[in-house]
Each structure stands twice: as structure tokens, then as C-alpha cells.
Amino acid sequence: MKATAELIYRELKGHVGRENAICADELADMFGIGERKLRDIIREIRRDSDADKVVASCNGGYYICTKDELAKANERLYSQAFSLLKTAN
């Protein structure tokens, strides 16, 4: 994981549970990056096998999943992936 990704991941570890989500613009401002760059970094964190926690998102922003939220977060990611595959076809 790159340095900026590690810092963002560390910050997200302080936002556990959907109710503690941090909005994207606040997180991006905190690190002096744009929201597009933030999305790229979140994608990098999600794909990193060294990440021991799952980063999820909701209308309120980004957060680390609790054990109870994990299945729903994975379901949402699968849904997004299948939607993109349908669009590609």
C-alpha cells in the first residue's frame, strides 16, 4: 500500500461502523486530494491483501465494517461489480 493509502486507511480505522462514516469531501480535504483521487485510493485499499479491515461506503461516506456489517458490504460490492459487467456487455 502506498504511503497516502496507508494514512487514509489508518484514519478510517477510527471510523468503525456505518454510523461513524466520514464523508468523502472531509476525508479528501484532510489529505489535500480530490474526491476522484480518494476513490482511487479507497479502491487500492480494498484490493490490498494486507488490509485486515473492510472499507465500506454509504451515503454518509466511508467507514470500516463491523463484523455484523461485513456481509451487507460485500453484497453491495458484488452488486456494483455485476452492474458494471452488464453495462460492459
Protein backbone atom coordinates (compact mmCIF):
# COMPACT_ATOMS: atom_id res chain seq x y z
CA MET A 1 0.00 0.00 0.00
CA LYS A 2 1.33 3.46 -0.85
CA ALA A 3 2.01 6.00 1.89
CA THR A 4 -1.13 8.09 1.28
CA ALA A 5 -3.27 4.96 1.20
CA GLU A 6 -1.77 3.83 4.50
CA LEU A 7 -2.55 7.19 6.11
CA ILE A 8 -6.13 7.17 4.84
CA TYR A 9 -6.57 3.56 5.96
CA ARG A 10 -5.26 4.49 9.41
CA GLU A 11 -7.76 7.39 9.57
CA LEU A 12 -10.60 5.10 8.51
CA LYS A 13 -9.78 2.70 11.34
CA GLY A 14 -11.08 5.45 13.61
CA HIS A 15 -14.45 5.32 11.80
CA VAL A 16 -15.78 1.87 12.61
CA GLY A 17 -19.41 1.21 11.80
CA ARG A 18 -21.76 2.86 9.37
CA GLU A 19 -22.91 5.36 12.00
CA ASN A 20 -19.33 6.66 12.22
CA ALA A 21 -18.75 7.13 8.48
CA ILE A 22 -16.63 10.08 7.39
CA CYS A 23 -17.86 11.96 4.32
CA ALA A 24 -15.70 11.79 1.22
CA ASP A 25 -15.13 15.53 0.90
CA GLU A 26 -13.97 15.79 4.51
CA LEU A 27 -11.60 12.85 4.09
CA ALA A 28 -10.27 14.21 0.78
CA ASP A 29 -9.73 17.68 2.30
CA MET A 30 -7.94 16.13 5.28
CA PHE A 31 -5.32 14.69 2.90
CA GLY A 32 -5.28 17.50 0.33
CA ILE A 33 -6.59 15.37 -2.53
CA GLY A 34 -9.64 15.43 -4.78
CA GLU A 35 -12.57 13.08 -4.38
CA ARG A 36 -11.66 11.22 -7.58
CA LYS A 37 -8.18 10.52 -6.20
CA LEU A 38 -9.78 9.46 -2.91
CA ARG A 39 -11.96 6.91 -4.72
CA ASP A 40 -8.86 5.53 -6.44
CA ILE A 41 -7.09 5.20 -3.09
CA ILE A 42 -10.13 3.53 -1.48
CA ARG A 43 -10.12 1.04 -4.36
CA GLU A 44 -6.41 0.41 -3.73
CA ILE A 45 -7.05 -0.20 -0.02
CA ARG A 46 -9.94 -2.57 -0.77
CA ARG A 47 -7.74 -4.62 -3.11
CA ASP A 48 -4.75 -4.76 -0.76
CA SER A 49 -4.39 -8.19 0.82
CA ASP A 50 -2.55 -6.65 3.79
CA ALA A 51 -5.63 -4.66 4.80
CA ASP A 52 -7.15 -6.50 7.73
CA LYS A 53 -10.39 -4.49 7.78
CA VAL A 54 -13.02 -3.97 5.08
CA VAL A 55 -13.68 -0.42 3.91
CA ALA A 56 -17.33 0.15 3.06
CA SER A 57 -19.25 3.17 1.87
CA CYS A 58 -22.71 4.61 2.27
CA ASN A 59 -24.41 7.94 1.62
CA GLY A 60 -22.65 9.24 4.74
CA GLY A 61 -19.16 8.40 3.46
CA TYR A 62 -16.56 5.73 4.15
CA TYR A 63 -16.12 3.53 7.20
CA ILE A 64 -14.62 0.28 8.45
CA CYS A 65 -17.18 -2.52 8.67
CA THR A 66 -18.12 -4.17 11.89
CA LYS A 67 -18.49 -7.96 11.75
CA ASP A 68 -22.26 -7.52 11.50
CA GLU A 69 -21.92 -5.14 8.53
CA LEU A 70 -19.46 -7.23 6.56
CA ALA A 71 -21.96 -9.39 4.65
CA LYS A 72 -24.01 -6.38 3.56
CA ALA A 73 -20.89 -4.50 2.42
CA ASN A 74 -19.73 -7.48 0.36
CA GLU A 75 -23.20 -7.83 -1.13
CA ARG A 76 -23.10 -4.19 -2.22
CA LEU A 77 -19.67 -4.63 -3.83
CA TYR A 78 -20.84 -7.73 -5.73
CA SER A 79 -23.94 -5.86 -6.88
CA GLN A 80 -21.83 -2.98 -8.19
CA ALA A 81 -19.49 -5.39 -9.96
CA PHE A 82 -22.33 -7.27 -11.68
CA SER A 83 -23.91 -3.98 -12.72
CA LEU A 84 -20.65 -2.92 -14.36
CA LEU A 85 -20.39 -6.27 -16.15
CA LYS A 86 -23.92 -5.90 -17.51
CA THR A 87 -23.08 -2.43 -18.75
CA ALA A 88 -19.91 -3.71 -20.43
CA ASN A 89 -21.89 -6.35 -22.31
